[in-house]
Each structure stands twice: as structure tokens, then as C-alpha cells.
Protein backbone atom coordinates (compact mmCIF):
# COMPACT_ATOMS: atom_id res chain seq x y z
CA MET A 1 -0.19 -0.23 0.27
CA SER A 2 1.25 3.49 -1.12
CA LYS A 3 2.63 5.78 1.57
CA LEU A 4 0.27 7.61 4.06
CA LYS A 5 1.42 11.17 5.02
CA LYS A 6 1.32 11.86 8.81
CA ARG A 7 -0.89 14.27 10.30
CA ALA A 8 0.08 17.40 12.80
CA ASP A 9 -1.40 15.11 15.64
CA GLY A 10 0.96 12.39 14.89
CA ARG A 11 -1.37 10.11 13.32
CA PHE A 12 -1.55 8.54 10.11
CA GLN A 13 -4.59 8.77 7.86
CA SER A 14 -6.60 7.24 5.16
CA LYS A 15 -9.53 7.81 3.30
CA VAL A 16 -11.54 4.90 1.93
CA TYR A 17 -14.63 4.76 -0.67
CA LEU A 18 -17.95 4.08 0.10
CA GLY A 19 -19.88 4.22 -2.66
CA VAL A 20 -22.80 6.62 -3.72
CA TYR A 21 -25.77 7.92 -0.93
CA ASP A 22 -28.59 10.05 -2.33
CA GLY A 23 -26.24 10.87 -5.51
CA VAL A 24 -23.41 12.21 -3.61
CA SER A 25 -20.03 10.17 -3.11
CA LYS A 26 -19.47 9.16 0.45
CA TYR A 27 -15.88 8.63 1.96
CA LYS A 28 -14.61 7.52 5.32
CA PHE A 29 -11.77 8.28 7.53
CA VAL A 30 -9.62 5.72 8.79
CA TYR A 31 -6.30 6.61 11.78
CA GLY A 32 -4.07 4.41 13.30
CA LYS A 33 -0.90 5.78 15.38
CA SER A 34 1.64 3.78 12.62
CA GLN A 35 0.36 3.34 8.84
CA LYS A 36 0.34 -0.59 9.67
CA GLU A 37 -2.73 0.16 12.01
CA VAL A 38 -4.32 1.89 9.30
CA ASP A 39 -3.88 -0.24 6.97
CA GLU A 40 -5.35 -3.19 8.75
CA LYS A 41 -7.97 -1.06 9.41
CA VAL A 42 -8.86 0.19 5.85
CA PHE A 43 -8.01 -3.93 5.11
CA ALA A 44 -11.22 -4.34 7.40
CA LEU A 45 -13.26 -1.83 6.30
CA LYS A 46 -13.51 -3.00 2.74
CA LEU A 47 -14.06 -6.74 3.55
CA SER A 48 -16.70 -5.30 5.49
CA LEU A 49 -17.75 -3.70 2.32
CA LYS A 50 -17.55 -6.36 0.33
CA LYS A 51 -19.82 -7.89 2.57
CA GLY A 52 -22.78 -5.32 2.25
CA ILE A 53 -22.03 -3.77 5.68
CA ASP A 54 -23.81 -0.77 6.44
CA VAL A 55 -20.27 0.37 7.43
CA GLY A 56 -21.53 4.05 6.88
CA SER A 57 -23.97 3.47 10.07
CA GLN A 58 -21.08 1.56 12.10
CA ASP A 59 -20.48 4.32 13.97
CA ASP A 60 -24.09 4.41 15.67
CA THR A 61 -24.13 3.55 19.72
CA PHE A 62 -26.04 0.48 21.34
CA LYS A 63 -28.57 2.89 22.54
CA ASP A 64 -29.00 3.97 18.96
CA TRP A 65 -30.13 0.71 18.23
CA ALA A 66 -31.69 0.43 21.32
CA GLU A 67 -34.29 3.15 20.86
CA ARG A 68 -34.96 1.63 17.48
CA TRP A 69 -36.06 -2.10 19.12
CA LEU A 70 -38.00 -0.63 21.70
CA THR A 71 -39.75 1.31 19.29
CA PHE A 72 -40.53 -1.82 17.74
CA LYS A 73 -41.72 -3.84 20.68
CA LYS A 74 -43.80 -1.48 22.01
CA LEU A 75 -46.53 -2.18 18.65
CA GLU A 76 -46.11 -5.44 19.17
CA VAL A 77 -46.25 -6.78 23.07
CA SER A 78 -48.36 -5.76 25.83
CA HIS A 79 -47.61 -2.37 28.07
CA ASN A 80 -46.47 -4.81 30.87
CA TRP A 81 -44.15 -6.50 28.70
CA PHE A 82 -43.03 -3.38 27.20
CA LEU A 83 -42.07 -2.23 30.88
CA SER A 84 -40.19 -5.52 31.36
CA ILE A 85 -38.29 -5.46 28.34
CA PHE A 86 -37.40 -2.05 28.66
CA ASN A 87 -36.36 -2.81 32.62
CA ARG A 88 -33.78 -5.06 30.36
CA ILE A 89 -32.56 -2.40 28.10
CA ASP A 90 -31.94 -0.08 31.51
CA ASN A 91 -29.81 -2.38 32.89
CA LEU A 92 -27.84 -1.99 29.38
CA GLU A 93 -27.28 1.62 30.03
CA PRO A 94 -23.08 1.44 30.02
CA LEU A 95 -23.14 -0.05 26.84
CA TYR A 96 -25.37 3.10 25.71
CA ASN A 97 -22.41 5.17 24.10
CA MET A 98 -20.30 2.49 22.67
CA GLN A 99 -20.47 2.23 18.98
CA ILE A 100 -22.02 -1.18 18.41
CA SER A 101 -19.83 -2.35 15.91
CA LYS A 102 -16.64 -2.16 18.81
CA ILE A 103 -19.26 -4.05 21.32
CA LYS A 104 -17.11 -7.53 22.21
CA SER A 105 -18.86 -10.09 24.17
CA SER A 106 -16.93 -9.56 26.89
CA ASP A 107 -18.57 -5.94 27.63
CA ILE A 108 -21.32 -7.95 27.79
CA GLN A 109 -20.35 -10.63 30.04
CA TYR A 110 -18.88 -8.76 31.69
CA LEU A 111 -22.35 -7.14 32.83
CA ILE A 112 -23.73 -10.19 32.72
CA ASN A 113 -20.86 -11.21 35.73
CA HIS A 114 -21.96 -8.02 37.26
CA TYR A 115 -25.62 -8.79 37.39
CA ALA A 116 -24.98 -12.25 38.61
CA THR A 117 -22.84 -11.07 41.50
CA GLU A 118 -24.17 -7.61 43.15
CA PRO A 119 -27.56 -7.10 44.85
CA CYS A 120 -29.63 -4.76 43.07
CA GLU A 121 -31.70 -1.38 44.55
CA GLN A 122 -35.06 -4.14 44.27
CA THR A 123 -34.88 -7.23 45.82
CA GLY A 124 -31.25 -6.41 47.67
CA LYS A 125 -29.97 -9.70 46.06
CA PRO A 126 -28.41 -10.43 42.98
CA TYR A 127 -30.36 -11.00 39.60
CA SER A 128 -32.15 -14.63 39.38
CA LYS A 129 -31.02 -17.67 36.40
CA LYS A 130 -34.31 -16.32 34.80
CA THR A 131 -33.49 -12.45 34.84
CA LEU A 132 -30.11 -12.72 33.84
CA ASN A 133 -31.13 -14.77 30.32
CA ASP A 134 -33.72 -12.43 30.07
CA LEU A 135 -31.33 -9.44 29.68
CA LYS A 136 -29.21 -12.16 27.33
CA ILE A 137 -31.91 -12.04 24.98
CA VAL A 138 -32.63 -8.36 25.15
CA ALA A 139 -29.16 -7.76 24.16
CA GLN A 140 -29.20 -10.41 21.56
CA SER A 141 -32.66 -9.29 20.33
CA VAL A 142 -30.88 -5.42 19.92
CA PHE A 143 -27.97 -7.11 18.00
CA LYS A 144 -30.12 -8.95 15.76
CA ILE A 145 -32.39 -5.81 14.42
CA ALA A 146 -28.47 -4.05 13.80
CA ILE A 147 -27.54 -7.08 11.66
CA ASP A 148 -30.93 -7.20 9.46
CA ASN A 149 -29.65 -4.05 8.51
CA ARG A 150 -26.39 -4.58 7.99
CA VAL A 151 -24.99 -2.52 10.10
CA ILE A 152 -22.92 -5.64 11.78
CA ASP A 153 -22.35 -9.33 10.67
CA TYR A 154 -22.30 -11.55 14.37
CA ASN A 155 -24.66 -11.07 17.06
CA PRO A 156 -21.79 -10.65 20.38
CA ALA A 157 -24.21 -11.62 22.70
CA SER A 158 -24.60 -14.92 21.25
CA SER A 159 -21.81 -16.69 23.27
CA VAL A 160 -22.45 -15.06 26.72
CA LYS A 161 -22.78 -17.64 29.63
CA ILE A 162 -25.27 -17.48 32.11
CA PRO A 163 -23.43 -17.94 35.55
CA LYS A 164 -25.79 -19.18 38.36
CA ALA A 165 -26.89 -16.49 40.26
CA ALA A 166 -25.23 -15.53 43.64
CA GLU A 167 -26.95 -17.24 47.09
CA THR A 168 -24.84 -15.10 49.31
CA VAL A 169 -26.88 -11.89 49.23
CA THR A 170 -30.31 -12.03 50.49
CA LYS A 171 -32.75 -9.29 52.28
CA ARG A 172 -33.01 -9.38 55.43
CA ALA A 173 -34.24 -7.22 58.52
CA LEU A 174 -31.06 -4.17 59.54
CA ASN A 175 -30.12 -4.76 62.45
CA GLU A 176 -30.04 -2.67 65.97
CA ASP A 177 -27.06 -1.47 64.55
CA GLU A 178 -27.90 -0.59 61.45
CA ARG A 179 -31.64 0.88 61.92
CA ASN A 180 -29.41 3.58 64.35
CA PHE A 181 -27.83 4.70 61.35
CA ILE A 182 -31.38 5.69 59.53
CA THR A 183 -32.67 7.06 62.92
CA ASP A 184 -29.20 8.94 63.96
CA THR A 185 -28.40 10.07 60.65
CA PRO A 186 -30.20 13.35 58.63
CA HIS A 187 -30.20 13.09 55.07
CA ARG A 188 -32.86 14.38 52.63
CA ALA A 189 -33.30 10.52 51.88
CA GLN A 190 -34.16 9.93 55.71
CA LEU A 191 -37.69 10.58 55.81
CA ALA A 192 -38.54 7.74 53.38
CA ALA A 193 -36.51 5.22 55.32
CA MET A 194 -37.91 6.29 58.72
CA ILE A 195 -41.44 5.80 57.21
CA MET A 196 -41.09 2.69 55.32
CA MET A 197 -39.05 0.68 58.45
CA PHE A 198 -41.47 2.10 60.73
CA SER A 199 -44.59 1.55 58.83
CA GLY A 200 -43.52 -1.33 56.32
CA LEU A 201 -44.98 1.28 53.42
CA ARG A 202 -43.80 -0.02 49.64
CA ARG A 203 -41.39 2.51 47.19
CA GLY A 204 -44.67 2.27 45.10
CA GLU A 205 -47.09 3.25 48.26
CA LEU A 206 -44.50 6.14 49.71
CA ILE A 207 -43.62 7.90 46.58
CA PRO A 208 -47.06 9.16 46.19
CA LEU A 209 -47.80 9.81 49.76
CA THR A 210 -49.11 13.10 51.04
CA TRP A 211 -49.40 14.67 54.59
CA SER A 212 -52.94 14.53 54.54
CA ASP A 213 -52.37 10.84 54.21
CA ILE A 214 -50.91 11.23 58.02
CA ASP A 215 -52.42 11.39 60.85
CA LEU A 216 -50.88 11.84 63.83
CA LYS A 217 -53.02 12.42 66.37
CA ASN A 218 -54.55 8.98 65.45
CA LYS A 219 -50.89 7.46 64.38
CA THR A 220 -51.80 5.90 61.26
CA ILE A 221 -50.98 6.12 57.60
CA ASN A 222 -53.81 5.69 54.99
CA VAL A 223 -52.29 3.76 52.09
CA ASN A 224 -55.12 4.87 49.43
CA LYS A 225 -52.75 5.05 46.38
CA SER A 226 -49.06 3.61 44.55
CA VAL A 227 -47.47 4.65 41.67
CA GLU A 228 -46.20 2.74 38.52
CA MET A 229 -42.94 3.67 36.53
CA ILE A 230 -43.53 3.98 33.21
CA ASP A 231 -40.54 4.83 31.18
CA GLY A 232 -39.00 6.14 34.50
CA LYS A 233 -41.50 7.89 34.93
CA PRO A 234 -44.22 8.11 37.86
CA VAL A 235 -47.90 6.61 36.51
CA LEU A 236 -50.31 7.79 39.64
CA LYS A 237 -53.23 5.03 40.32
CA TYR A 238 -55.66 5.39 43.42
CA MET A 239 -55.57 1.24 44.07
CA THR A 240 -52.50 -0.53 45.10
CA LYS A 241 -50.62 -3.56 44.38
CA SER A 242 -53.64 -5.34 45.84
CA LYS A 243 -56.91 -4.86 47.37
CA ALA A 244 -55.02 -5.65 50.67
CA GLY A 245 -52.72 -3.08 49.98
CA MET A 246 -55.61 -0.59 50.64
CA ARG A 247 -55.59 0.02 54.46
CA VAL A 248 -54.58 1.68 57.61
CA VAL A 249 -51.11 1.37 59.12
CA PHE A 250 -50.78 1.96 62.87
CA ILE A 251 -47.36 3.56 63.34
CA PRO A 252 -44.96 4.14 66.78
CA GLN A 253 -44.85 6.91 68.83
CA LEU A 254 -40.86 7.24 67.59
CA LEU A 255 -41.91 7.88 64.28
CA VAL A 256 -45.16 10.27 65.27
CA GLU A 257 -42.08 12.05 66.51
CA PHE A 258 -39.87 12.29 64.04
CA LEU A 259 -43.12 13.48 62.14
CA LYS A 260 -43.90 16.32 63.78
CA VAL A 261 -40.49 17.94 63.20
CA GLN A 262 -40.46 17.73 59.95
CA LYS A 263 -40.46 20.37 57.61
CA ARG A 264 -43.46 19.88 55.15
CA THR A 265 -42.00 21.82 51.72
CA SER A 266 -44.50 19.73 49.22
CA LEU A 267 -48.17 18.21 49.97
CA LEU A 268 -45.72 14.70 49.00
CA VAL A 269 -43.81 14.24 52.15
CA CYS A 270 -41.23 12.80 49.96
CA PRO A 271 -41.32 14.91 46.48
CA SER A 272 -38.08 14.89 44.32
CA ALA A 273 -36.00 18.07 44.89
CA GLY A 274 -37.73 19.70 42.53
CA GLY A 275 -40.81 19.56 44.86
CA VAL A 276 -42.55 16.98 42.46
CA ILE A 277 -43.46 13.62 42.26
CA MET A 278 -40.20 11.25 41.97
CA THR A 279 -39.18 9.34 38.88
CA ARG A 280 -37.04 6.17 38.82
CA SER A 281 -33.82 7.98 38.39
CA ALA A 282 -34.40 10.26 40.73
CA TRP A 283 -35.04 8.37 43.17
CA ARG A 284 -32.12 6.36 42.43
CA LYS A 285 -30.46 8.89 42.49
CA MET A 286 -31.30 9.90 46.18
CA TRP A 287 -31.16 6.52 47.39
CA GLU A 288 -27.54 6.24 46.25
CA LYS A 289 -26.18 8.98 47.38
CA TYR A 290 -27.77 8.10 50.89
CA LEU A 291 -26.33 4.53 50.91
CA SER A 292 -22.56 6.46 50.03
CA ASP A 293 -23.23 8.66 52.50
CA LEU A 294 -24.09 6.52 55.36
CA LYS A 295 -20.86 4.18 54.48
CA LEU A 296 -18.55 7.37 54.68
CA LYS A 297 -19.98 7.64 58.08
CA TYR A 298 -20.01 4.84 59.22
CA GLY A 299 -17.50 2.18 57.21
CA SER A 300 -18.25 0.54 53.99
CA ASP A 301 -18.10 -3.13 56.15
CA ALA A 302 -20.99 -2.03 58.54
CA VAL A 303 -23.21 -0.62 56.43
CA PRO A 304 -25.49 -3.44 54.02
CA ARG A 305 -26.20 -2.66 50.29
CA PHE A 306 -29.77 -1.80 51.74
CA THR A 307 -33.23 -1.83 49.71
CA ALA A 308 -36.65 -0.37 50.21
CA HIS A 309 -37.40 -4.15 50.65
CA TRP A 310 -34.99 -4.32 53.42
CA LEU A 311 -36.61 -1.43 55.16
CA ARG A 312 -40.28 -3.45 54.88
CA HIS A 313 -39.15 -6.93 55.77
CA THR A 314 -37.62 -4.33 58.68
CA PHE A 315 -40.50 -3.45 60.15
CA ILE A 316 -42.71 -7.05 59.95
CA THR A 317 -40.20 -8.75 61.38
CA MET A 318 -39.72 -5.83 64.09
CA MET A 319 -43.86 -6.58 64.31
CA TYR A 320 -42.75 -9.98 65.30
CA PHE A 321 -40.06 -8.90 67.45
CA ALA A 322 -42.92 -7.42 70.03
CA GLY A 323 -45.83 -10.09 69.94
CA VAL A 324 -47.90 -8.65 67.10
CA ASP A 325 -50.26 -11.45 65.71
CA ILE A 326 -50.10 -12.81 62.48
CA LEU A 327 -53.36 -11.49 61.50
CA THR A 328 -52.84 -7.73 62.37
CA ALA A 329 -49.04 -7.93 60.77
CA LYS A 330 -51.00 -9.20 57.51
CA GLU A 331 -53.15 -6.10 57.65
CA GLN A 332 -50.01 -3.91 58.49
CA ALA A 333 -48.10 -5.59 55.72
CA GLY A 334 -51.23 -5.07 53.16
CA HIS A 335 -50.32 -9.07 52.32
CA ALA A 336 -52.60 -10.23 50.01
CA ASP A 337 -52.19 -13.55 51.64
CA ILE A 338 -51.48 -14.95 55.17
CA LYS A 339 -49.00 -16.84 53.95
CA THR A 340 -46.66 -14.20 52.89
CA THR A 341 -46.52 -13.22 56.19
CA MET A 342 -46.94 -16.44 58.02
CA ALA A 343 -43.86 -17.75 55.74
CA ILE A 344 -41.64 -14.58 57.70
CA TYR A 345 -43.37 -15.08 60.87
CA THR A 346 -41.92 -18.87 60.54
CA HIS A 347 -38.60 -18.36 59.53
CA LEU A 348 -38.48 -15.99 62.28
CA ASP A 349 -40.10 -18.77 64.78
CA LYS A 350 -37.40 -21.43 63.43
CA GLN A 351 -34.44 -18.60 64.16
CA PHE A 352 -35.37 -17.14 67.00
CA LYS A 353 -36.19 -20.99 68.72
CA LYS A 354 -32.52 -21.89 67.73
CA ASN A 355 -30.93 -18.79 69.20
CA SER A 356 -32.59 -18.82 72.18
CA MET A 357 -31.44 -22.83 72.91
CA SER A 358 -27.95 -22.13 72.02
CA LYS A 359 -28.11 -19.77 75.32
CA LEU A 360 -28.24 -23.03 76.91
CA ASP A 361 -25.23 -24.30 74.92
CA ASP A 362 -23.65 -21.28 76.50
CA PHE A 363 -25.12 -21.67 79.52
CA LEU A 364 -23.96 -24.82 79.59
CA MET A 365 -20.25 -24.28 78.50
CA LYS A 366 -19.77 -21.12 80.86
CA ASN A 367 -21.42 -23.89 84.07
CA LYS A 368 -19.06 -26.26 82.47
CA LEU A 369 -21.68 -28.89 82.81
CA ALA A 370 -21.05 -32.02 81.76
CA ILE A 371 -22.69 -35.87 82.15
CA VAL A 372 -20.79 -38.16 84.46
């Protein structure tokens, strides 16, 4: 190949003819640190042209094609199914700004491995095998539409392996020290955390909660609406997850005293920084900042990556240890089926009895009692 001229920035450059588009000749410039690197890129580019690849679109990002794919799917599937695949696309956000022609299988494998081992915000545990598989299928679908449009010639998501979902991180109730982190640390997210921990409200029930729903005199919260996140934005519904979710929750005096001194800057109890109902993005940013600040204050090892669901689980656990009967606990938590409450209570019962019996072992060992 002919010798290339070196640019002022030290790179070498070559120009490749792509063809005529809309009556205009199109070219693509190729750059490299050496003539050899440029020659190799030119060869690869010409090979792609020979295969019929639309190299003019290879600079398109993964986000460009994901949005196109979502546009098609929105016309084909139900709203709930569309919401599910939208969430999976959201999980692939680290790929958004990467050129779709340069994404490798290893880039996608890294994401899959991350979600298989790190706890997610909603559940506090890694994604299940099914969710990981759904994530891979969505990624494959985005690359497939780019293949069908002759932008790339292979699907990097096809060779991705689904590892076993991690089993070590699960949702749990916060212990006494962890609860104190919340009660003792002023923060914009503290109000949300306090309400969820001491009333058991779901995040979707908390976000639309208004001050008029709270009766401090009678120590109650009237749960009468919820939000569903559609395309990342909250859609208000005057109903909850189930009929059982429409309930009146009795709150402890500790929460009453805390709520009495809160500044009311909006009709909403927990508005966004702008004073309006929170979007998914606004909630995520607030919560991530909250966890980061708690870790900074108390130490990263001391503060678990707890979620709204952990706080709800903490409320139910505290009811158990306070001796609240299971039927009342069901009504306060808003469970549609008492089996859900019973499963938590049964698990705690077994755990508590096991811990109680361990005290007997400690007593016997301490007093050196043994069989003669």
C-alpha cells in the first residue's frame, strides 16, 4: 500500500470510498498511530464493504439501536411486557455510548457477571438466572436488528454464558445498629427510610404519599394510592398492588415524634428535589447518595446495601419480636395472602428458637456442666 502522510497530531490517515448515497459520493476516514494500523483498518473496512455491511452506520451507538428496537416492540407487546423489556434495556446502560460495531462479547459478559453477583436495588440480592437470561435475550435482539440492517455481521451477545445466580446476598431485616444508622443520621432520604422502616410501606406506596394521608393524632397512615414506573416516569394509580394494600397502618410513637418536626415543603411527603413526584431516576440518585453518605459516616463494612424492601422486611420483623399476632401483621403489611406473612413469621420463629437454644449451650459451657 502507498505511504501515508503523517498528520500534525502524529496520527496517520487514509480515506476509503464507501459508494454513492443519494447521489453523493461518501468516504470514511481511517486513523491510526502507525501506517500498519491504518492499513489493517482499511483492509477490515473494505472487507466489511464486500460483505455488504453498512459501514456508514457503524458509528451508531448501542443506545441508537436499542431505541429503534424498543419502538418496534412497543407496537407488538402488551404494556407490562414492554415495561419489562424496557427495564432490561435500562440494565444495559453501560453499553449505551459504545459504538455497536465495537462491542465485544466480553463487554456483555462483564455486565452479566456483575448482575449475577451484586445485589440490585429492588430486592437486595443478585439477579436470578431467569432475569439474567432475559437480559441476554434482550441484548441479542438489539444486536439482531443491527445485523438485519447490515450494520454488523455477528451477534456478540450469542456467546455470553449465564453463571449461576449468587445465593449469598439475600434480603434481611436490619439489626439494631443498622436501624440506628437511619434514626441517627439526618439526610434528605432519611424521611423515606424512617417511614418505610416503621410503617412497612412499599416504595410505590411511599412516593405518592401526601401529608393529608398521615394522621399524627391517631398515629395512622392511610395507604390509598401507588405509583407505577412507566418509561422511568411515575404513573399515579388510586389503588395499590392488591386490595389488601389499601389499608390503614398504625405507626409507633417514635415515628410520630419524628414526623412532627419534619418541614413540609410540598403536599407530598417525600417529593423530588424539585418538589414534585419522584421519577425512577430521581429515587435512584437519592438512594445511592444516601447509602454512600451512610457508608462514609459509619464505614463501608458496617452499612449493608439495603433497599426499600429491606426496610419493609425490617418492619415485619419488628412486629414479630414485638409479639404482634400474624393476622394483624398481615393487615399492617398489606399482604394479599396470609401465607406470605406466615412464611416470614415461621422463618423468624425457627431462627429465634434456634438462637434461644444456643443460649442454653452457652450456659452449660460457661458452668462447665457435663455428663458424668
